[in-house]
Amino acid sequence: MSTRKAKKNIRKPNEMLLLIIFMTIFLMELLFFTWCRVQTIGAGYEISREAKRQQDLITLKNNLKVELARLKSPERIAKIAKNQLGLITPTPEQMMVIP
């Protein structure tokens, strides 16, 4: 009687091969899913970094616009002309009207 139970517990080679193939496919799918998730998370981090970089560049651009406006201001240019270059406002005799 015990030999009959022992024979029932032993699986056929075809069943064992099918089980191994099924488990291999399952593990491959699991590894592929994990790889896809890791890639997705990495892409999300990269998008976040680039979004922050874009925001930093927009802030820098706005600061440079303000700086350019300050450097182009007529008051600043007139002050530099008078103080550093020694220029003065011309008198009416020094002016010439060009037709």
PDB file of N, CA and C in Angstrom:
ATOM      1  N   MET A   1       0.793  -1.173   0.000  1.00  0.00           N
ATOM      2  CA  MET A   1       0.000   0.000   0.000  1.00  0.00           C
ATOM      3  C   MET A   1       0.852   1.261   0.000  1.00  0.00           C
ATOM      4  N   SER A   2       1.958   1.246   0.716  1.00  0.00           N
ATOM      5  CA  SER A   2       2.799   2.430   0.774  1.00  0.00           C
ATOM      6  C   SER A   2       3.470   2.727  -0.560  1.00  0.00           C
ATOM      7  N   THR A   3       3.725   1.706  -1.364  1.00  0.00           N
ATOM      8  CA  THR A   3       4.337   1.932  -2.673  1.00  0.00           C
ATOM      9  C   THR A   3       3.359   2.609  -3.622  1.00  0.00           C
ATOM     10  N   ARG A   4       2.084   2.348  -3.434  1.00  0.00           N
ATOM     11  CA  ARG A   4       1.099   3.017  -4.267  1.00  0.00           C
ATOM     12  C   ARG A   4       1.063   4.516  -3.967  1.00  0.00           C
ATOM     13  N   LYS A   5       1.117   4.873  -2.704  1.00  0.00           N
ATOM     14  CA  LYS A   5       1.127   6.286  -2.325  1.00  0.00           C
ATOM     15  C   LYS A   5       2.385   6.968  -2.832  1.00  0.00           C
ATOM     16  N   ALA A   6       3.488   6.295  -2.783  1.00  0.00           N
ATOM     17  CA  ALA A   6       4.743   6.859  -3.271  1.00  0.00           C
ATOM     18  C   ALA A   6       4.679   7.101  -4.763  1.00  0.00           C
ATOM     19  N   LYS A   7       4.055   6.214  -5.490  1.00  0.00           N
ATOM     20  CA  LYS A   7       3.931   6.391  -6.937  1.00  0.00           C
ATOM     21  C   LYS A   7       2.977   7.523  -7.281  1.00  0.00           C
ATOM     22  N   LYS A   8       1.964   7.743  -6.482  1.00  0.00           N
ATOM     23  CA  LYS A   8       1.023   8.839  -6.746  1.00  0.00           C
ATOM     24  C   LYS A   8       1.680  10.196  -6.503  1.00  0.00           C
ATOM     25  N   ASN A   9       2.586  10.301  -5.554  1.00  0.00           N
ATOM     26  CA  ASN A   9       3.237  11.564  -5.235  1.00  0.00           C
ATOM     27  C   ASN A   9       4.280  11.971  -6.275  1.00  0.00           C
ATOM     28  N   ILE A  10       4.795  11.004  -6.993  1.00  0.00           N
ATOM     29  CA  ILE A  10       5.791  11.314  -8.022  1.00  0.00           C
ATOM     30  C   ILE A  10       5.044  11.796  -9.256  1.00  0.00           C
ATOM     31  N   ARG A  11       5.417  12.975  -9.729  1.00  0.00           N
ATOM     32  CA  ARG A  11       4.754  13.530 -10.903  1.00  0.00           C
ATOM     33  C   ARG A  11       5.392  12.973 -12.160  1.00  0.00           C
ATOM     34  N   LYS A  12       4.624  12.997 -13.190  1.00  0.00           N
ATOM     35  CA  LYS A  12       5.135  12.565 -14.475  1.00  0.00           C
ATOM     36  C   LYS A  12       6.142  13.591 -14.975  1.00  0.00           C
ATOM     37  N   PRO A  13       7.116  13.158 -15.765  1.00  0.00           N
ATOM     38  CA  PRO A  13       8.114  14.110 -16.283  1.00  0.00           C
ATOM     39  C   PRO A  13       7.493  15.234 -17.107  1.00  0.00           C
ATOM     40  N   ASN A  14       6.455  14.956 -17.841  1.00  0.00           N
ATOM     41  CA  ASN A  14       5.805  16.004 -18.644  1.00  0.00           C
ATOM     42  C   ASN A  14       5.168  17.069 -17.762  1.00  0.00           C
ATOM     43  N   GLU A  15       4.549  16.631 -16.673  1.00  0.00           N
ATOM     44  CA  GLU A  15       3.938  17.585 -15.740  1.00  0.00           C
ATOM     45  C   GLU A  15       5.007  18.456 -15.091  1.00  0.00           C
ATOM     46  N   MET A  16       6.119  17.856 -14.733  1.00  0.00           N
ATOM     47  CA  MET A  16       7.210  18.601 -14.107  1.00  0.00           C
ATOM     48  C   MET A  16       7.809  19.613 -15.091  1.00  0.00           C
ATOM     49  N   LEU A  17       7.995  19.220 -16.321  1.00  0.00           N
ATOM     50  CA  LEU A  17       8.515  20.119 -17.348  1.00  0.00           C
ATOM     51  C   LEU A  17       7.553  21.274 -17.583  1.00  0.00           C
ATOM     52  N   LEU A  18       6.276  21.003 -17.640  1.00  0.00           N
ATOM     53  CA  LEU A  18       5.264  22.039 -17.816  1.00  0.00           C
ATOM     54  C   LEU A  18       5.275  23.016 -16.643  1.00  0.00           C
ATOM     55  N   LEU A  19       5.414  22.492 -15.435  1.00  0.00           N
ATOM     56  CA  LEU A  19       5.491  23.347 -14.251  1.00  0.00           C
ATOM     57  C   LEU A  19       6.729  24.236 -14.294  1.00  0.00           C
ATOM     58  N   ILE A  20       7.870  23.691 -14.685  1.00  0.00           N
ATOM     59  CA  ILE A  20       9.107  24.483 -14.777  1.00  0.00           C
ATOM     60  C   ILE A  20       8.965  25.568 -15.842  1.00  0.00           C
ATOM     61  N   ILE A  21       8.384  25.217 -16.973  1.00  0.00           N
ATOM     62  CA  ILE A  21       8.181  26.218 -18.038  1.00  0.00           C
ATOM     63  C   ILE A  21       7.241  27.316 -17.554  1.00  0.00           C
ATOM     64  N   PHE A  22       6.157  26.939 -16.888  1.00  0.00           N
ATOM     65  CA  PHE A  22       5.211  27.922 -16.359  1.00  0.00           C
ATOM     66  C   PHE A  22       5.878  28.851 -15.347  1.00  0.00           C
ATOM     67  N   MET A  23       6.651  28.319 -14.446  1.00  0.00           N
ATOM     68  CA  MET A  23       7.331  29.126 -13.427  1.00  0.00           C
ATOM     69  C   MET A  23       8.372  30.049 -14.072  1.00  0.00           C
ATOM     70  N   THR A  24       9.073  29.542 -15.083  1.00  0.00           N
ATOM     71  CA  THR A  24      10.070  30.368 -15.779  1.00  0.00           C
ATOM     72  C   THR A  24       9.396  31.551 -16.465  1.00  0.00           C
ATOM     73  N   ILE A  25       8.287  31.291 -17.140  1.00  0.00           N
ATOM     74  CA  ILE A  25       7.552  32.374 -17.804  1.00  0.00           C
ATOM     75  C   ILE A  25       7.043  33.377 -16.774  1.00  0.00           C
ATOM     76  N   PHE A  26       6.517  32.873 -15.668  1.00  0.00           N
ATOM     77  CA  PHE A  26       6.021  33.755 -14.612  1.00  0.00           C
ATOM     78  C   PHE A  26       7.138  34.645 -14.060  1.00  0.00           C
ATOM     79  N   LEU A  27       8.299  34.071 -13.798  1.00  0.00           N
ATOM     80  CA  LEU A  27       9.421  34.846 -13.270  1.00  0.00           C
ATOM     81  C   LEU A  27       9.923  35.865 -14.288  1.00  0.00           C
ATOM     82  N   MET A  28       9.924  35.483 -15.567  1.00  0.00           N
ATOM     83  CA  MET A  28      10.352  36.435 -16.597  1.00  0.00           C
ATOM     84  C   MET A  28       9.383  37.617 -16.676  1.00  0.00           C
ATOM     85  N   GLU A  29       8.086  37.345 -16.602  1.00  0.00           N
ATOM     86  CA  GLU A  29       7.093  38.415 -16.594  1.00  0.00           C
ATOM     87  C   GLU A  29       7.262  39.311 -15.371  1.00  0.00           C
ATOM     88  N   LEU A  30       7.527  38.710 -14.247  1.00  0.00           N
ATOM     89  CA  LEU A  30       7.734  39.477 -13.017  1.00  0.00           C
ATOM     90  C   LEU A  30       8.964  40.374 -13.130  1.00  0.00           C
ATOM     91  N   LEU A  31      10.051  39.841 -13.663  1.00  0.00           N
ATOM     92  CA  LEU A  31      11.260  40.649 -13.851  1.00  0.00           C
ATOM     93  C   LEU A  31      11.030  41.760 -14.864  1.00  0.00           C
ATOM     94  N   PHE A  32      10.305  41.480 -15.933  1.00  0.00           N
ATOM     95  CA  PHE A  32      10.009  42.504 -16.936  1.00  0.00           C
ATOM     96  C   PHE A  32       9.148  43.609 -16.337  1.00  0.00           C
ATOM     97  N   PHE A  33       8.139  43.240 -15.554  1.00  0.00           N
ATOM     98  CA  PHE A  33       7.295  44.234 -14.892  1.00  0.00           C
ATOM     99  C   PHE A  33       8.126  45.105 -13.952  1.00  0.00           C
ATOM    100  N   THR A  34       9.001  44.503 -13.183  1.00  0.00           N
ATOM    101  CA  THR A  34       9.858  45.254 -12.262  1.00  0.00           C
ATOM    102  C   THR A  34      10.770  46.196 -13.030  1.00  0.00           C
ATOM    103  N   TRP A  35      11.357  45.728 -14.121  1.00  0.00           N
ATOM    104  CA  TRP A  35      12.221  46.586 -14.940  1.00  0.00           C
ATOM    105  C   TRP A  35      11.431  47.779 -15.486  1.00  0.00           C
ATOM    106  N   CYS A  36      10.203  47.530 -15.960  1.00  0.00           N
ATOM    107  CA  CYS A  36       9.366  48.622 -16.481  1.00  0.00           C
ATOM    108  C   CYS A  36       9.068  49.650 -15.393  1.00  0.00           C
ATOM    109  N   ARG A  37       8.769  49.194 -14.197  1.00  0.00           N
ATOM    110  CA  ARG A  37       8.476  50.121 -13.092  1.00  0.00           C
ATOM    111  C   ARG A  37       9.711  50.957 -12.739  1.00  0.00           C
ATOM    112  N   VAL A  38      10.862  50.326 -12.707  1.00  0.00           N
ATOM    113  CA  VAL A  38      12.096  51.059 -12.397  1.00  0.00           C
ATOM    114  C   VAL A  38      12.358  52.117 -13.468  1.00  0.00           C
ATOM    115  N   GLN A  39      12.155  51.768 -14.728  1.00  0.00           N
ATOM    116  CA  GLN A  39      12.353  52.721 -15.811  1.00  0.00           C
ATOM    117  C   GLN A  39      11.359  53.877 -15.705  1.00  0.00           C
ATOM    118  N   THR A  40      10.123  53.582 -15.363  1.00  0.00           N
ATOM    119  CA  THR A  40       9.100  54.615 -15.226  1.00  0.00           C
ATOM    120  C   THR A  40       9.439  55.572 -14.094  1.00  0.00           C
ATOM    121  N   ILE A  41       9.864  55.039 -12.982  1.00  0.00           N
ATOM    122  CA  ILE A  41      10.227  55.883 -11.845  1.00  0.00           C
ATOM    123  C   ILE A  41      11.442  56.739 -12.194  1.00  0.00           C
ATOM    124  N   GLY A  42      12.423  56.154 -12.873  1.00  0.00           N
ATOM    125  CA  GLY A  42      13.593  56.927 -13.297  1.00  0.00           C
ATOM    126  C   GLY A  42      13.213  58.054 -14.240  1.00  0.00           C
ATOM    127  N   ALA A  43      12.299  57.781 -15.169  1.00  0.00           N
ATOM    128  CA  ALA A  43      11.842  58.826 -16.091  1.00  0.00           C
ATOM    129  C   ALA A  43      11.103  59.922 -15.328  1.00  0.00           C
ATOM    130  N   GLY A  44      10.342  59.539 -14.327  1.00  0.00           N
ATOM    131  CA  GLY A  44       9.642  60.537 -13.501  1.00  0.00           C
ATOM    132  C   GLY A  44      10.619  61.452 -12.774  1.00  0.00           C
ATOM    133  N   TYR A  45      11.684  60.875 -12.221  1.00  0.00           N
ATOM    134  CA  TYR A  45      12.695  61.691 -11.561  1.00  0.00           C
ATOM    135  C   TYR A  45      13.372  62.632 -12.557  1.00  0.00           C
ATOM    136  N   GLU A  46      13.654  62.140 -13.735  1.00  0.00           N
ATOM    137  CA  GLU A  46      14.305  62.976 -14.752  1.00  0.00           C
ATOM    138  C   GLU A  46      13.383  64.116 -15.185  1.00  0.00           C
ATOM    139  N   ILE A  47      12.107  63.840 -15.331  1.00  0.00           N
ATOM    140  CA  ILE A  47      11.145  64.891 -15.681  1.00  0.00           C
ATOM    141  C   ILE A  47      11.102  65.945 -14.579  1.00  0.00           C
ATOM    142  N   SER A  48      11.113  65.518 -13.333  1.00  0.00           N
ATOM    143  CA  SER A  48      11.096  66.473 -12.208  1.00  0.00           C
ATOM    144  C   SER A  48      12.341  67.352 -12.218  1.00  0.00           C
ATOM    145  N   ARG A  49      13.509  66.735 -12.468  1.00  0.00           N
ATOM    146  CA  ARG A  49      14.753  67.522 -12.520  1.00  0.00           C
ATOM    147  C   ARG A  49      14.708  68.546 -13.642  1.00  0.00           C
ATOM    148  N   GLU A  50      14.226  68.135 -14.814  1.00  0.00           N
ATOM    149  CA  GLU A  50      14.180  69.045 -15.955  1.00  0.00           C
ATOM    150  C   GLU A  50      13.145  70.148 -15.746  1.00  0.00           C
ATOM    151  N   ALA A  51      12.039  69.837 -15.069  1.00  0.00           N
ATOM    152  CA  ALA A  51      11.038  70.866 -14.771  1.00  0.00           C
ATOM    153  C   ALA A  51      11.618  71.908 -13.815  1.00  0.00           C
ATOM    154  N   LYS A  52      12.382  71.466 -12.820  1.00  0.00           N
ATOM    155  CA  LYS A  52      13.024  72.413 -11.902  1.00  0.00           C
ATOM    156  C   LYS A  52      14.068  73.240 -12.637  1.00  0.00           C
ATOM    157  N   ARG A  53      14.820  72.599 -13.523  1.00  0.00           N
ATOM    158  CA  ARG A  53      15.829  73.315 -14.307  1.00  0.00           C
ATOM    159  C   ARG A  53      15.161  74.369 -15.196  1.00  0.00           C
ATOM    160  N   GLN A  54      14.034  74.007 -15.803  1.00  0.00           N
ATOM    161  CA  GLN A  54      13.312  74.963 -16.638  1.00  0.00           C
ATOM    162  C   GLN A  54      12.840  76.149 -15.802  1.00  0.00           C
ATOM    163  N   GLN A  55      12.320  75.879 -14.611  1.00  0.00           N
ATOM    164  CA  GLN A  55      11.864  76.964 -13.743  1.00  0.00           C
ATOM    165  C   GLN A  55      13.034  77.858 -13.342  1.00  0.00           C
ATOM    166  N   ASP A  56      14.187  77.267 -13.046  1.00  0.00           N
ATOM    167  CA  ASP A  56      15.372  78.055 -12.709  1.00  0.00           C
ATOM    168  C   ASP A  56      15.801  78.929 -13.879  1.00  0.00           C
ATOM    169  N   LEU A  57      15.737  78.383 -15.093  1.00  0.00           N
ATOM    170  CA  LEU A  57      16.119  79.162 -16.276  1.00  0.00           C
ATOM    171  C   LEU A  57      15.136  80.295 -16.547  1.00  0.00           C
ATOM    172  N   ILE A  58      13.853  80.063 -16.295  1.00  0.00           N
ATOM    173  CA  ILE A  58      12.860  81.133 -16.454  1.00  0.00           C
ATOM    174  C   ILE A  58      13.125  82.243 -15.451  1.00  0.00           C
ATOM    175  N   THR A  59      13.442  81.872 -14.225  1.00  0.00           N
ATOM    176  CA  THR A  59      13.762  82.877 -13.202  1.00  0.00           C
ATOM    177  C   THR A  59      15.002  83.672 -13.602  1.00  0.00           C
ATOM    178  N   LEU A  60      16.032  82.981 -14.092  1.00  0.00           N
ATOM    179  CA  LEU A  60      17.242  83.661 -14.538  1.00  0.00           C
ATOM    180  C   LEU A  60      16.947  84.602 -15.688  1.00  0.00           C
ATOM    181  N   LYS A  61      16.133  84.171 -16.630  1.00  0.00           N
ATOM    182  CA  LYS A  61      15.763  85.015 -17.777  1.00  0.00           C
ATOM    183  C   LYS A  61      15.054  86.292 -17.308  1.00  0.00           C
ATOM    184  N   ASN A  62      14.129  86.126 -16.362  1.00  0.00           N
ATOM    185  CA  ASN A  62      13.428  87.307 -15.842  1.00  0.00           C
ATOM    186  C   ASN A  62      14.378  88.248 -15.118  1.00  0.00           C
ATOM    187  N   ASN A  63      15.323  87.689 -14.358  1.00  0.00           N
ATOM    188  CA  ASN A  63      16.301  88.535 -13.665  1.00  0.00           C
ATOM    189  C   ASN A  63      17.195  89.274 -14.667  1.00  0.00           C
ATOM    190  N   LEU A  64      17.557  88.599 -15.742  1.00  0.00           N
ATOM    191  CA  LEU A  64      18.388  89.243 -16.764  1.00  0.00           C
ATOM    192  C   LEU A  64      17.628  90.335 -17.494  1.00  0.00           C
ATOM    193  N   LYS A  65      16.334  90.157 -17.709  1.00  0.00           N
ATOM    194  CA  LYS A  65      15.519  91.211 -18.332  1.00  0.00           C
ATOM    195  C   LYS A  65      15.493  92.460 -17.456  1.00  0.00           C
ATOM    196  N   VAL A  66      15.328  92.244 -16.152  1.00  0.00           N
ATOM    197  CA  VAL A  66      15.312  93.376 -15.215  1.00  0.00           C
ATOM    198  C   VAL A  66      16.674  94.071 -15.225  1.00  0.00           C
ATOM    199  N   GLU A  67      17.750  93.287 -15.217  1.00  0.00           N
ATOM    200  CA  GLU A  67      19.104  93.849 -15.239  1.00  0.00           C
ATOM    201  C   GLU A  67      19.354  94.627 -16.532  1.00  0.00           C
ATOM    202  N   LEU A  68      18.897  94.100 -17.657  1.00  0.00           N
ATOM    203  CA  LEU A  68      19.070  94.795 -18.936  1.00  0.00           C
ATOM    204  C   LEU A  68      18.304  96.104 -18.945  1.00  0.00           C
ATOM    205  N   ALA A  69      17.091  96.102 -18.426  1.00  0.00           N
ATOM    206  CA  ALA A  69      16.310  97.336 -18.357  1.00  0.00           C
ATOM    207  C   ALA A  69      17.006  98.371 -17.475  1.00  0.00           C
ATOM    208  N   ARG A  70      17.589  97.909 -16.368  1.00  0.00           N
ATOM    209  CA  ARG A  70      18.308  98.837 -15.482  1.00  0.00           C
ATOM    210  C   ARG A  70      19.536  99.404 -16.177  1.00  0.00           C
ATOM    211  N   LEU A  71      20.278  98.548 -16.901  1.00  0.00           N
ATOM    212  CA  LEU A  71      21.489  99.023 -17.579  1.00  0.00           C
ATOM    213  C   LEU A  71      21.177  99.954 -18.751  1.00  0.00           C
ATOM    214  N   LYS A  72      20.003  99.808 -19.371  1.00  0.00           N
ATOM    215  CA  LYS A  72      19.636 100.646 -20.512  1.00  0.00           C
ATOM    216  C   LYS A  72      18.954 101.947 -20.104  1.00  0.00           C
ATOM    217  N   SER A  73      18.699 102.141 -18.836  1.00  0.00           N
ATOM    218  CA  SER A  73      17.933 103.312 -18.414  1.00  0.00           C
ATOM    219  C   SER A  73      18.670 104.604 -18.789  1.00  0.00           C
ATOM    220  N   PRO A  74      17.937 105.584 -19.341  1.00  0.00           N
ATOM    221  CA  PRO A  74      18.558 106.859 -19.757  1.00  0.00           C
ATOM    222  C   PRO A  74      19.238 107.602 -18.596  1.00  0.00           C
ATOM    223  N   GLU A  75      18.680 107.508 -17.396  1.00  0.00           N
ATOM    224  CA  GLU A  75      19.279 108.191 -16.249  1.00  0.00           C
ATOM    225  C   GLU A  75      20.673 107.640 -15.961  1.00  0.00           C
ATOM    226  N   ARG A  76      20.806 106.341 -16.013  1.00  0.00           N
ATOM    227  CA  ARG A  76      22.107 105.705 -15.761  1.00  0.00           C
ATOM    228  C   ARG A  76      23.119 106.088 -16.834  1.00  0.00           C
ATOM    229  N   ILE A  77      22.681 106.072 -18.087  1.00  0.00           N
ATOM    230  CA  ILE A  77      23.585 106.422 -19.194  1.00  0.00           C
ATOM    231  C   ILE A  77      24.020 107.878 -19.082  1.00  0.00           C
ATOM    232  N   ALA A  78      23.083 108.782 -18.741  1.00  0.00           N
ATOM    233  CA  ALA A  78      23.435 110.201 -18.583  1.00  0.00           C
ATOM    234  C   ALA A  78      24.405 110.389 -17.420  1.00  0.00           C
ATOM    235  N   LYS A  79      24.205 109.677 -16.337  1.00  0.00           N
ATOM    236  CA  LYS A  79      25.096 109.780 -15.174  1.00  0.00           C
ATOM    237  C   LYS A  79      26.510 109.318 -15.542  1.00  0.00           C
ATOM    238  N   ILE A  80      26.634 108.210 -16.267  1.00  0.00           N
ATOM    239  CA  ILE A  80      27.955 107.719 -16.684  1.00  0.00           C
ATOM    240  C   ILE A  80      28.607 108.716 -17.639  1.00  0.00           C
ATOM    241  N   ALA A  81      27.806 109.277 -18.547  1.00  0.00           N
ATOM    242  CA  ALA A  81      28.351 110.237 -19.517  1.00  0.00           C
ATOM    243  C   ALA A  81      28.910 111.469 -18.810  1.00  0.00           C
ATOM    244  N   LYS A  82      28.219 111.950 -17.820  1.00  0.00           N
ATOM    245  CA  LYS A  82      28.682 113.146 -17.110  1.00  0.00           C
ATOM    246  C   LYS A  82      29.840 112.838 -16.167  1.00  0.00           C
ATOM    247  N   ASN A  83      29.706 111.819 -15.345  1.00  0.00           N
ATOM    248  CA  ASN A  83      30.686 111.565 -14.302  1.00  0.00           C
ATOM    249  C   ASN A  83      31.959 110.888 -14.813  1.00  0.00           C
ATOM    250  N   GLN A  84      31.824 109.857 -15.641  1.00  0.00           N
ATOM    251  CA  GLN A  84      32.996 109.093 -16.055  1.00  0.00           C
ATOM    252  C   GLN A  84      33.614 109.601 -17.351  1.00  0.00           C
ATOM    253  N   LEU A  85      32.775 110.078 -18.261  1.00  0.00           N
ATOM    254  CA  LEU A  85      33.303 110.500 -19.564  1.00  0.00           C
ATOM    255  C   LEU A  85      33.475 112.015 -19.678  1.00  0.00           C
ATOM    256  N   GLY A  86      32.933 112.752 -18.721  1.00  0.00           N
ATOM    257  CA  GLY A  86      33.097 114.208 -18.723  1.00  0.00           C
ATOM    258  C   GLY A  86      32.288 114.901 -19.807  1.00  0.00           C
ATOM    259  N   LEU A  87      31.229 114.307 -20.288  1.00  0.00           N
ATOM    260  CA  LEU A  87      30.390 114.926 -21.316  1.00  0.00           C
ATOM    261  C   LEU A  87      29.405 115.880 -20.668  1.00  0.00           C
ATOM    262  N   ILE A  88      29.029 116.903 -21.419  1.00  0.00           N
ATOM    263  CA  ILE A  88      28.049 117.860 -20.933  1.00  0.00           C
ATOM    264  C   ILE A  88      26.937 117.998 -21.961  1.00  0.00           C
ATOM    265  N   THR A  89      25.834 118.565 -21.537  1.00  0.00           N
ATOM    266  CA  THR A  89      24.726 118.797 -22.459  1.00  0.00           C
ATOM    267  C   THR A  89      25.142 119.926 -23.403  1.00  0.00           C
ATOM    268  N   PRO A  90      24.956 119.750 -24.709  1.00  0.00           N
ATOM    269  CA  PRO A  90      25.402 120.780 -25.659  1.00  0.00           C
ATOM    270  C   PRO A  90      24.556 122.047 -25.554  1.00  0.00           C
ATOM    271  N   THR A  91      25.189 123.161 -25.819  1.00  0.00           N
ATOM    272  CA  THR A  91      24.482 124.454 -25.843  1.00  0.00           C
ATOM    273  C   THR A  91      23.779 124.572 -27.180  1.00  0.00           C
ATOM    274  N   PRO A  92      22.824 125.471 -27.266  1.00  0.00           N
ATOM    275  CA  PRO A  92      22.113 125.621 -28.537  1.00  0.00           C
ATOM    276  C   PRO A  92      23.031 125.973 -29.720  1.00  0.00           C
ATOM    277  N   GLU A  93      24.166 126.665 -29.457  1.00  0.00           N
ATOM    278  CA  GLU A  93      25.097 127.015 -30.521  1.00  0.00           C
ATOM    279  C   GLU A  93      25.846 125.772 -31.052  1.00  0.00           C
ATOM    280  N   GLN A  94      26.002 124.785 -30.196  1.00  0.00           N
ATOM    281  CA  GLN A  94      26.713 123.569 -30.595  1.00  0.00           C
ATOM    282  C   GLN A  94      25.821 122.577 -31.356  1.00  0.00           C
ATOM    283  N   MET A  95      24.521 122.797 -31.329  1.00  0.00           N
ATOM    284  CA  MET A  95      23.574 121.878 -31.982  1.00  0.00           C
ATOM    285  C   MET A  95      23.416 122.222 -33.436  1.00  0.00           C
ATOM    286  N   MET A  96      23.306 121.192 -34.256  1.00  0.00           N
ATOM    287  CA  MET A  96      23.046 121.382 -35.681  1.00  0.00           C
ATOM    288  C   MET A  96      21.826 120.550 -36.043  1.00  0.00           C
ATOM    289  N   VAL A  97      20.924 121.148 -36.745  1.00  0.00           N
ATOM    290  CA  VAL A  97      19.730 120.419 -37.184  1.00  0.00           C
ATOM    291  C   VAL A  97      20.036 119.833 -38.550  1.00  0.00           C
ATOM    292  N   ILE A  98      19.879 118.566 -38.692  1.00  0.00           N
ATOM    293  CA  ILE A  98      20.154 117.884 -39.958  1.00  0.00           C
ATOM    294  C   ILE A  98      18.828 117.698 -40.688  1.00  0.00           C
ATOM    295  N   PRO A  99      18.734 118.254 -41.904  1.00  0.00           N
ATOM    296  CA  PRO A  99      17.460 118.137 -42.650  1.00  0.00           C
ATOM    297  C   PRO A  99      17.200 116.740 -43.115  1.00  0.00           C
TER     298      PRO A  99
END
